[in-house]
Amino acid sequence: MSVLPGVMAVVAVAVLSACTARVGGLPTAATTLPDELTSEVVFGDLTTIAPCSLTDPEAFDEYGTAEHATPESLDYCAISVDTSGDADVILSIGAFGELSAQPELEDNRVKGVDGGLWVGQQDDLPSFCSQLLVFPDGVTMQVSGSVVDGSVDACPMVETGMDYAIEVIQGRDVEHREPEDGSLLTIDPCSLVEDDDIAAIPGLSGLSRPDEYPGKHSCFWEQGPGSPVNVRLEFGAGPEPGLYTQGGAEGLVGGRQSATNRYPEVGENSYCSVETGHIEFDEGEDVVEIASVYARAPGGQVDAACAAATAVAELVWPELPEA
């Protein structure tokens, strides 16, 4: 059964109202917690986590009007906050990562949490703020806030979101999705293409995968730290892909209807995306599962980025289940 926003709010409130003890300064259900709350103990199968079970729009009432935003990802829950000062913030809650990818976080600990967990401050700009909950097995869970309009400090909202997620985790109330037949949810994108085949694409020689993503919804290749050339294959969710940029194109790629969008100048780099819609995603209105390829190249080389993204999509799309 898929988790709907209304159901999640009721469940979360019920769990919090049943809290009878305090562990590490946070309320938890009246159960004995293991000495180590590893990601496996807390979540089980990370690929099917329902990230919206980690949060609730009502948790952000003190900042303004909050509601579930249009889904963007299989990995995190998006919440929109319209603040009393007319600023708009998008909170993203639940994305998994690896501490090994950012060891500098050890020097930015915010607090410890019972069960061997701790919180690190990843970013602290008012316009973009993020914290990571670090589990004893090195898996991380992110809460971030981005100011998309107006001016406000997103960090207090991020802290609130993190505290709420910790309450849910300690209350052992994390929920799982039950994927439909043919869903991308339980398919590891890295399993659909060989690393050598990626590196054989013109312009992508030398690319390799530096990190694994515990949620298994994303695969990333790069030439090396700081290199302007990289490619990401991602399974997500959102409105049916369309054209968002000048010079984009729609048509068949790898046998599937796809949308290609060009971003010639983003800072010092160029980007290109190729996306195809999949089956309905029932955690929002008019949204579908989406397979996406994002390619980055040096500035002024958007044609090369699009050629690379298209080549990757032509390898992967035929391996996807039928929509």
Protein backbone atom coordinates (compact mmCIF):
# COMPACT_ATOMS: atom_id res chain seq x y z
CA MET A 1 0.00 0.00 0.00
CA SER A 2 1.38 3.38 -0.96
CA VAL A 3 1.67 6.01 1.73
CA LEU A 4 -0.60 9.01 1.27
CA PRO A 5 0.08 12.40 2.91
CA GLY A 6 -3.08 12.35 5.01
CA VAL A 7 -2.38 8.85 6.29
CA MET A 8 1.18 9.73 7.17
CA ALA A 9 0.12 12.76 9.21
CA VAL A 10 -2.35 10.69 11.23
CA VAL A 11 0.20 7.94 11.87
CA ALA A 12 2.92 10.38 12.89
CA VAL A 13 0.65 12.24 15.31
CA ALA A 14 -0.52 8.95 16.81
CA VAL A 15 3.04 7.80 17.41
CA LEU A 16 4.12 11.06 19.01
CA SER A 17 1.10 11.15 21.29
CA ALA A 18 2.02 7.64 22.49
CA CYS A 19 5.53 8.66 23.55
CA THR A 20 6.15 7.86 27.18
CA ALA A 21 9.92 8.01 27.65
CA ARG A 22 12.80 10.24 26.68
CA VAL A 23 16.01 8.93 25.14
CA GLY A 24 18.83 11.31 24.40
CA GLY A 25 16.50 14.25 25.00
CA LEU A 26 14.01 13.13 22.34
CA PRO A 27 10.63 11.42 22.87
CA THR A 28 10.40 7.76 21.85
CA ALA A 29 7.78 5.06 22.00
CA ALA A 30 7.69 2.86 25.07
CA THR A 31 9.99 0.19 23.61
CA THR A 32 13.60 -0.77 24.27
CA LEU A 33 15.94 0.57 21.60
CA PRO A 34 18.93 -1.46 20.42
CA ASP A 35 22.34 -0.25 21.52
CA GLU A 36 23.16 0.54 17.88
CA LEU A 37 20.52 1.92 15.52
CA THR A 38 22.24 1.03 12.25
CA SER A 39 20.49 1.91 9.01
CA GLU A 40 19.65 -1.78 8.55
CA VAL A 41 18.06 -1.99 12.00
CA VAL A 42 16.04 1.19 11.45
CA PHE A 43 15.06 0.91 7.80
CA GLY A 44 15.58 -2.65 6.57
CA ASP A 45 15.37 -2.39 2.78
CA LEU A 46 16.49 1.15 1.93
CA THR A 47 15.12 0.95 -1.63
CA THR A 48 11.48 0.89 -0.53
CA ILE A 49 11.54 3.50 2.26
CA ALA A 50 8.59 5.91 2.14
CA PRO A 51 10.48 9.13 2.98
CA CYS A 52 7.31 11.09 3.69
CA SER A 53 6.79 8.86 6.74
CA LEU A 54 9.80 10.67 8.24
CA THR A 55 8.06 14.03 8.32
CA ASP A 56 4.75 15.90 8.50
CA PRO A 57 3.84 19.37 7.16
CA GLU A 58 2.30 20.21 10.54
CA ALA A 59 5.77 20.05 12.08
CA PHE A 60 6.55 23.34 10.30
CA ASP A 61 3.42 25.30 11.26
CA GLU A 62 5.46 27.78 13.32
CA TYR A 63 7.21 28.97 10.14
CA GLY A 64 4.16 29.48 7.93
CA THR A 65 1.89 27.37 5.72
CA ALA A 66 3.42 23.99 4.91
CA GLU A 67 2.20 21.25 2.58
CA HIS A 68 3.50 18.32 0.58
CA ALA A 69 5.09 19.61 -2.61
CA THR A 70 4.96 17.88 -5.98
CA PRO A 71 7.19 14.78 -5.72
CA GLU A 72 10.65 15.23 -7.22
CA SER A 73 12.46 12.09 -6.17
CA LEU A 74 12.07 8.53 -4.96
CA ASP A 75 14.68 9.28 -2.29
CA TYR A 76 13.26 12.21 -0.37
CA CYS A 77 9.98 13.84 0.62
CA ALA A 78 9.48 17.41 -0.62
CA ILE A 79 7.61 19.88 1.61
CA SER A 80 6.82 23.44 0.60
CA VAL A 81 6.74 26.15 3.28
CA ASP A 82 5.19 29.55 2.51
CA THR A 83 6.54 31.64 5.38
CA SER A 84 4.77 34.48 7.14
CA GLY A 85 7.38 36.78 5.56
CA ASP A 86 6.31 35.73 2.04
CA ALA A 87 9.40 33.62 1.39
CA ASP A 88 9.09 30.16 -0.16
CA VAL A 89 11.21 27.24 1.06
CA ILE A 90 11.41 23.67 -0.22
CA LEU A 91 12.46 21.10 2.38
CA SER A 92 13.83 17.76 1.20
CA ILE A 93 13.80 14.99 3.78
CA GLY A 94 15.12 11.44 3.61
CA ALA A 95 17.86 11.10 0.96
CA PHE A 96 20.51 8.50 1.86
CA GLY A 97 24.25 8.78 1.31
CA GLU A 98 27.59 7.55 2.66
CA LEU A 99 29.72 9.30 5.27
CA SER A 100 32.81 8.15 3.35
CA ALA A 101 31.86 10.59 0.58
CA GLN A 102 32.21 13.56 2.96
CA PRO A 103 34.55 12.73 5.84
CA GLU A 104 34.84 16.45 6.70
CA LEU A 105 31.42 16.13 8.35
CA GLU A 106 33.16 14.61 11.38
CA ASP A 107 34.41 18.11 12.23
CA ASN A 108 30.91 19.60 12.03
CA ARG A 109 28.99 17.54 14.56
CA VAL A 110 25.91 19.28 15.93
CA LYS A 111 24.74 16.72 18.47
CA GLY A 112 24.77 13.07 19.42
CA VAL A 113 21.68 10.86 19.46
CA ASP A 114 21.14 7.64 21.40
CA GLY A 115 21.71 4.47 19.42
CA GLY A 116 25.11 5.56 18.14
CA LEU A 117 23.70 8.20 15.78
CA TRP A 118 24.86 11.79 15.42
CA VAL A 119 23.88 14.88 13.43
CA GLY A 120 26.35 16.81 11.30
CA GLN A 121 25.93 20.25 9.74
CA GLN A 122 26.53 19.84 6.01
CA ASP A 123 25.62 23.39 4.86
CA ASP A 124 24.62 26.41 6.93
CA LEU A 125 23.82 29.20 4.48
CA PRO A 126 20.45 30.85 5.14
CA SER A 127 19.45 30.23 1.50
CA PHE A 128 20.56 26.57 1.53
CA CYS A 129 20.93 24.65 4.74
CA SER A 130 21.36 20.93 5.30
CA GLN A 131 22.03 18.43 8.07
CA LEU A 132 22.94 14.75 7.90
CA LEU A 133 21.90 12.10 10.39
CA VAL A 134 24.81 9.64 10.53
CA PHE A 135 24.18 6.00 11.43
CA PRO A 136 26.80 3.71 13.07
CA ASP A 137 27.27 1.83 9.77
CA GLY A 138 28.27 5.00 7.91
CA VAL A 139 24.97 5.58 6.10
CA THR A 140 23.65 9.15 6.19
CA MET A 141 20.14 10.60 5.92
CA GLN A 142 19.76 14.20 4.75
CA VAL A 143 17.37 17.01 5.64
CA SER A 144 17.88 20.14 3.54
CA GLY A 145 16.10 23.43 2.93
CA SER A 146 16.34 25.66 -0.14
CA VAL A 147 14.92 29.20 -0.33
CA VAL A 148 13.33 29.41 -3.77
CA ASP A 149 11.79 32.87 -3.40
CA GLY A 150 12.21 35.77 -0.98
CA SER A 151 14.61 35.86 1.95
CA VAL A 152 14.52 33.73 5.10
CA ASP A 153 16.87 31.56 7.16
CA ALA A 154 16.13 27.94 6.23
CA CYS A 155 18.34 26.47 8.98
CA PRO A 156 15.75 26.51 11.81
CA MET A 157 13.33 24.63 9.52
CA VAL A 158 16.00 22.08 8.70
CA GLU A 159 16.70 21.56 12.39
CA THR A 160 12.98 21.08 13.04
CA GLY A 161 12.77 18.58 10.17
CA MET A 162 15.74 16.64 11.48
CA ASP A 163 14.39 16.51 15.04
CA TYR A 164 11.05 15.23 13.75
CA ALA A 165 12.72 12.54 11.61
CA ILE A 166 14.74 11.40 14.63
CA GLU A 167 11.53 11.10 16.64
CA VAL A 168 10.01 8.89 13.93
CA ILE A 169 13.14 6.74 13.75
CA GLN A 170 13.34 6.30 17.51
CA GLY A 171 9.61 5.55 17.57
CA ARG A 172 10.27 2.76 15.03
CA ASP A 173 7.54 4.13 12.75
CA VAL A 174 9.36 4.34 9.42
CA GLU A 175 7.10 3.06 6.63
CA HIS A 176 7.80 1.23 3.38
CA ARG A 177 6.25 1.44 -0.07
CA GLU A 178 4.86 -1.60 -1.83
CA PRO A 179 5.92 -1.10 -5.47
CA GLU A 180 3.58 -1.81 -8.35
CA ASP A 181 4.53 -4.37 -10.99
CA GLY A 182 7.10 -2.84 -13.34
CA SER A 183 8.07 -0.10 -10.89
CA LEU A 184 11.56 1.41 -10.95
CA LEU A 185 11.61 1.51 -7.14
CA THR A 186 13.42 -1.77 -6.63
CA ILE A 187 15.69 -1.62 -9.70
CA ASP A 188 19.27 -0.51 -9.09
CA PRO A 189 20.11 1.72 -12.08
CA CYS A 190 23.77 0.71 -11.78
CA SER A 191 22.74 -2.85 -12.63
CA LEU A 192 21.40 -1.84 -16.05
CA VAL A 193 24.66 -0.71 -17.64
CA GLU A 194 28.30 -1.73 -17.39
CA ASP A 195 30.85 0.83 -16.22
CA ASP A 196 33.04 -0.04 -19.22
CA ASP A 197 30.16 0.76 -21.59
CA ILE A 198 29.81 4.22 -20.01
CA ALA A 199 33.56 4.86 -20.30
CA ALA A 200 33.46 3.79 -23.97
CA ILE A 201 31.09 6.62 -24.92
CA PRO A 202 32.92 9.43 -26.77
CA GLY A 203 33.84 12.16 -24.30
CA LEU A 204 33.35 9.91 -21.25
CA SER A 205 36.63 8.01 -21.25
CA GLY A 206 38.04 7.48 -17.79
CA LEU A 207 34.71 7.76 -15.99
CA SER A 208 34.20 5.53 -12.97
CA ARG A 209 31.83 5.25 -10.02
CA PRO A 210 33.38 6.82 -6.89
CA ASP A 211 30.51 6.13 -4.49
CA GLU A 212 27.55 3.85 -3.92
CA TYR A 213 24.11 5.24 -3.11
CA PRO A 214 22.41 3.23 -0.34
CA GLY A 215 18.91 3.96 -1.67
CA LYS A 216 19.84 2.35 -5.02
CA HIS A 217 17.91 4.92 -7.08
CA SER A 218 20.93 6.74 -8.52
CA CYS A 219 24.20 5.88 -10.25
CA PHE A 220 27.03 8.39 -10.76
CA TRP A 221 30.20 8.35 -12.84
CA GLU A 222 32.98 10.95 -12.92
CA GLN A 223 36.50 11.33 -14.31
CA GLY A 224 37.79 12.34 -10.89
CA PRO A 225 37.24 14.84 -8.07
CA GLY A 226 36.91 18.32 -9.51
CA SER A 227 36.55 17.11 -13.11
CA PRO A 228 33.89 19.00 -15.09
CA VAL A 229 32.78 15.78 -16.82
CA ASN A 230 30.30 13.48 -15.09
CA VAL A 231 27.08 11.57 -15.71
CA ARG A 232 24.23 10.64 -13.38
CA LEU A 233 21.56 8.01 -14.06
CA GLU A 234 18.62 8.45 -11.73
CA PHE A 235 15.19 6.97 -11.10
CA GLY A 236 12.82 9.57 -9.65
CA ALA A 237 9.28 10.92 -9.85
CA GLY A 238 7.47 14.03 -11.00
CA PRO A 239 5.27 15.43 -13.77
CA GLU A 240 5.59 13.80 -17.18
CA PRO A 241 8.90 15.00 -18.70
CA GLY A 242 8.63 17.91 -21.13
CA LEU A 243 10.60 20.72 -22.70
CA TYR A 244 11.84 23.35 -20.24
CA THR A 245 14.70 24.98 -22.14
CA GLN A 246 15.27 26.62 -25.49
CA GLY A 247 16.67 24.20 -28.04
CA GLY A 248 15.28 21.11 -26.29
CA ALA A 249 13.72 18.25 -28.20
CA GLU A 250 11.16 15.49 -27.75
CA GLY A 251 11.20 12.17 -29.55
CA LEU A 252 12.22 8.52 -29.35
CA VAL A 253 15.46 7.67 -27.56
CA GLY A 254 16.28 4.01 -27.05
CA GLY A 255 12.75 3.15 -28.17
CA ARG A 256 11.03 5.33 -25.54
CA GLN A 257 9.41 8.75 -25.82
CA SER A 258 11.88 11.13 -24.17
CA ALA A 259 12.53 14.81 -23.51
CA THR A 260 15.98 16.35 -23.93
CA ASN A 261 16.75 19.69 -22.27
CA ARG A 262 19.88 21.79 -22.81
CA TYR A 263 21.53 24.04 -20.21
CA PRO A 264 24.45 25.74 -22.04
CA GLU A 265 25.64 27.91 -19.14
CA VAL A 266 25.27 26.93 -15.51
CA GLY A 267 28.15 28.56 -13.72
CA GLU A 268 31.27 27.39 -15.53
CA ASN A 269 29.67 24.23 -16.90
CA SER A 270 27.14 22.95 -19.42
CA TYR A 271 24.45 20.39 -18.66
CA CYS A 272 22.02 18.24 -20.59
CA SER A 273 19.23 15.98 -19.42
CA VAL A 274 17.37 13.15 -21.16
CA GLU A 275 14.25 11.89 -19.38
CA THR A 276 11.50 9.37 -20.01
CA GLY A 277 8.28 8.87 -18.07
CA HIS A 278 7.27 5.51 -16.66
CA ILE A 279 4.26 4.22 -14.70
CA GLU A 280 2.02 6.33 -12.47
CA PHE A 281 3.48 7.41 -9.13
CA ASP A 282 0.60 7.60 -6.68
CA GLU A 283 2.11 9.89 -4.04
CA GLY A 284 0.89 13.00 -5.84
CA GLU A 285 -1.45 14.18 -8.57
CA ASP A 286 -0.49 13.74 -12.23
CA VAL A 287 3.01 12.42 -11.45
CA VAL A 288 4.89 9.43 -12.82
CA GLU A 289 8.10 7.55 -12.15
CA ILE A 290 10.90 9.03 -14.28
CA ALA A 291 14.20 7.69 -15.56
CA SER A 292 16.72 10.51 -16.09
CA VAL A 293 20.25 10.93 -17.39
CA TYR A 294 22.13 14.13 -16.50
CA ALA A 295 25.45 14.86 -18.17
CA ARG A 296 27.86 17.67 -17.28
CA ALA A 297 30.58 19.08 -19.52
CA PRO A 298 32.79 22.19 -19.47
CA GLY A 299 31.15 25.50 -20.33
CA GLY A 300 30.37 25.92 -24.01
CA GLN A 301 30.14 22.17 -24.60
CA VAL A 302 26.41 21.55 -24.22
CA ASP A 303 26.36 19.60 -27.50
CA ALA A 304 28.90 17.18 -26.03
CA ALA A 305 26.85 16.89 -22.84
CA CYS A 306 23.70 16.08 -24.83
CA ALA A 307 25.53 13.55 -27.00
CA ALA A 308 26.77 11.79 -23.85
CA ALA A 309 23.39 11.88 -22.09
CA THR A 310 21.65 10.52 -25.18
CA ALA A 311 24.21 7.73 -25.56
CA VAL A 312 23.69 6.64 -21.95
CA ALA A 313 19.90 6.73 -22.36
CA GLU A 314 20.17 4.61 -25.51
CA LEU A 315 22.02 1.98 -23.46
CA VAL A 316 19.64 2.05 -20.48
CA TRP A 317 16.15 2.71 -21.83
CA PRO A 318 15.84 -0.70 -23.57
CA GLU A 319 16.59 -2.36 -20.20
CA LEU A 320 13.69 -0.62 -18.41
CA PRO A 321 10.45 -2.50 -17.73
CA GLU A 322 7.58 -1.71 -20.07
CA ALA A 323 5.50 1.25 -18.97
